[in-house]
């Protein structure tokens, strides 16, 4: 149960990084 809760706590951090990754995609297309 603890590991599941720990994983859920990390999920928002992963979602926060997703927009950053998507923001970098157009930059890659410019090169």
PDB file of N, CA and C in Angstrom:
ATOM      1  N   UNK A   1       0.836  -1.207   0.000  1.00  0.00           N
ATOM      2  CA  UNK A   1       0.000   0.000   0.000  1.00  0.00           C
ATOM      3  C   UNK A   1       0.874   1.262   0.000  1.00  0.00           C
ATOM      4  N   UNK A   2       1.954   1.210   0.755  1.00  0.00           N
ATOM      5  CA  UNK A   2       2.817   2.397   0.817  1.00  0.00           C
ATOM      6  C   UNK A   2       3.435   2.700  -0.547  1.00  0.00           C
ATOM      7  N   UNK A   3       3.861   1.639  -1.247  1.00  0.00           N
ATOM      8  CA  UNK A   3       4.490   1.866  -2.547  1.00  0.00           C
ATOM      9  C   UNK A   3       3.502   2.462  -3.538  1.00  0.00           C
ATOM     10  N   UNK A   4       2.243   2.049  -3.434  1.00  0.00           N
ATOM     11  CA  UNK A   4       1.228   2.593  -4.333  1.00  0.00           C
ATOM     12  C   UNK A   4       1.041   4.080  -4.073  1.00  0.00           C
ATOM     13  N   UNK A   5       0.995   4.444  -2.786  1.00  0.00           N
ATOM     14  CA  UNK A   5       0.826   5.849  -2.426  1.00  0.00           C
ATOM     15  C   UNK A   5       2.035   6.665  -2.894  1.00  0.00           C
ATOM     16  N   UNK A   6       3.217   6.100  -2.765  1.00  0.00           N
ATOM     17  CA  UNK A   6       4.432   6.777  -3.204  1.00  0.00           C
ATOM     18  C   UNK A   6       4.394   7.006  -4.714  1.00  0.00           C
ATOM     19  N   UNK A   7       3.910   6.005  -5.447  1.00  0.00           N
ATOM     20  CA  UNK A   7       3.809   6.142  -6.900  1.00  0.00           C
ATOM     21  C   UNK A   7       2.820   7.229  -7.289  1.00  0.00           C
ATOM     22  N   UNK A   8       1.715   7.320  -6.559  1.00  0.00           N
ATOM     23  CA  UNK A   8       0.706   8.342  -6.866  1.00  0.00           C
ATOM     24  C   UNK A   8       1.246   9.732  -6.555  1.00  0.00           C
ATOM     25  N   UNK A   9       2.114   9.818  -5.547  1.00  0.00           N
ATOM     26  CA  UNK A   9       2.702  11.113  -5.206  1.00  0.00           C
ATOM     27  C   UNK A   9       3.634  11.593  -6.310  1.00  0.00           C
ATOM     28  N   UNK A  10       4.266  10.649  -7.009  1.00  0.00           N
ATOM     29  CA  UNK A  10       5.195  11.018  -8.075  1.00  0.00           C
ATOM     30  C   UNK A  10       4.478  11.306  -9.390  1.00  0.00           C
ATOM     31  N   UNK A  11       3.240  10.868  -9.493  1.00  0.00           N
ATOM     32  CA  UNK A  11       2.498  11.035 -10.737  1.00  0.00           C
ATOM     33  C   UNK A  11       2.323  12.513 -11.113  1.00  0.00           C
ATOM     34  N   UNK A  12       1.905  13.393 -10.190  1.00  0.00           N
ATOM     35  CA  UNK A  12       1.772  14.807 -10.563  1.00  0.00           C
ATOM     36  C   UNK A  12       3.089  15.401 -11.049  1.00  0.00           C
ATOM     37  N   UNK A  13       4.211  14.967 -10.483  1.00  0.00           N
ATOM     38  CA  UNK A  13       5.506  15.474 -10.930  1.00  0.00           C
ATOM     39  C   UNK A  13       5.749  15.081 -12.384  1.00  0.00           C
ATOM     40  N   UNK A  14       5.370  13.856 -12.727  1.00  0.00           N
ATOM     41  CA  UNK A  14       5.525  13.408 -14.108  1.00  0.00           C
ATOM     42  C   UNK A  14       4.629  14.206 -15.047  1.00  0.00           C
ATOM     43  N   UNK A  15       3.417  14.512 -14.607  1.00  0.00           N
ATOM     44  CA  UNK A  15       2.489  15.281 -15.438  1.00  0.00           C
ATOM     45  C   UNK A  15       2.978  16.714 -15.603  1.00  0.00           C
ATOM     46  N   UNK A  16       3.643  17.231 -14.573  1.00  0.00           N
ATOM     47  CA  UNK A  16       4.167  18.595 -14.654  1.00  0.00           C
ATOM     48  C   UNK A  16       5.295  18.682 -15.680  1.00  0.00           C
ATOM     49  N   UNK A  17       6.034  17.586 -15.849  1.00  0.00           N
ATOM     50  CA  UNK A  17       7.141  17.590 -16.797  1.00  0.00           C
ATOM     51  C   UNK A  17       6.662  17.349 -18.226  1.00  0.00           C
ATOM     52  N   UNK A  18       5.457  16.803 -18.377  1.00  0.00           N
ATOM     53  CA  UNK A  18       4.949  16.502 -19.712  1.00  0.00           C
ATOM     54  C   UNK A  18       4.796  17.756 -20.579  1.00  0.00           C
ATOM     55  N   UNK A  19       4.178  18.841 -20.082  1.00  0.00           N
ATOM     56  CA  UNK A  19       4.080  20.058 -20.896  1.00  0.00           C
ATOM     57  C   UNK A  19       5.453  20.591 -21.286  1.00  0.00           C
ATOM     58  N   UNK A  20       6.443  20.464 -20.381  1.00  0.00           N
ATOM     59  CA  UNK A  20       7.793  20.925 -20.696  1.00  0.00           C
ATOM     60  C   UNK A  20       8.353  20.140 -21.872  1.00  0.00           C
ATOM     61  N   UNK A  21       8.101  18.829 -21.887  1.00  0.00           N
ATOM     62  CA  UNK A  21       8.562  18.008 -22.996  1.00  0.00           C
ATOM     63  C   UNK A  21       7.857  18.383 -24.298  1.00  0.00           C
ATOM     64  N   UNK A  22       6.569  18.674 -24.210  1.00  0.00           N
ATOM     65  CA  UNK A  22       5.809  19.048 -25.409  1.00  0.00           C
ATOM     66  C   UNK A  22       6.250  20.414 -25.917  1.00  0.00           C
ATOM     67  N   UNK A  23       6.651  21.295 -25.000  1.00  0.00           N
ATOM     68  CA  UNK A  23       7.114  22.622 -25.402  1.00  0.00           C
ATOM     69  C   UNK A  23       8.418  22.534 -26.184  1.00  0.00           C
ATOM     70  N   UNK A  24       9.205  21.497 -25.908  1.00  0.00           N
ATOM     71  CA  UNK A  24      10.495  21.350 -26.583  1.00  0.00           C
ATOM     72  C   UNK A  24      10.347  20.717 -27.965  1.00  0.00           C
ATOM     73  N   UNK A  25       9.210  20.097 -28.253  1.00  0.00           N
ATOM     74  CA  UNK A  25       9.020  19.450 -29.547  1.00  0.00           C
ATOM     75  C   UNK A  25       9.116  20.434 -30.715  1.00  0.00           C
ATOM     76  N   UNK A  26       8.429  21.573 -30.671  1.00  0.00           N
ATOM     77  CA  UNK A  26       8.543  22.519 -31.792  1.00  0.00           C
ATOM     78  C   UNK A  26       9.976  22.997 -31.990  1.00  0.00           C
ATOM     79  N   UNK A  27      10.743  23.140 -30.890  1.00  0.00           N
ATOM     80  CA  UNK A  27      12.137  23.556 -31.019  1.00  0.00           C
ATOM     81  C   UNK A  27      12.918  22.539 -31.848  1.00  0.00           C
ATOM     82  N   UNK A  28      12.640  21.263 -31.611  1.00  0.00           N
ATOM     83  CA  UNK A  28      13.337  20.216 -32.347  1.00  0.00           C
ATOM     84  C   UNK A  28      13.026  20.281 -33.838  1.00  0.00           C
ATOM     85  N   UNK A  29      11.819  20.710 -34.181  1.00  0.00           N
ATOM     86  CA  UNK A  29      11.427  20.771 -35.599  1.00  0.00           C
ATOM     87  C   UNK A  29      12.081  21.958 -36.303  1.00  0.00           C
ATOM     88  N   UNK A  30      12.555  22.941 -35.540  1.00  0.00           N
ATOM     89  CA  UNK A  30      13.154  24.125 -36.146  1.00  0.00           C
ATOM     90  C   UNK A  30      14.563  23.859 -36.670  1.00  0.00           C
ATOM     91  N   UNK A  31      15.217  22.801 -36.166  1.00  0.00           N
ATOM     92  CA  UNK A  31      16.617  22.574 -36.551  1.00  0.00           C
ATOM     93  C   UNK A  31      16.740  21.893 -37.897  1.00  0.00           C
TER      94      UNK A  31
END
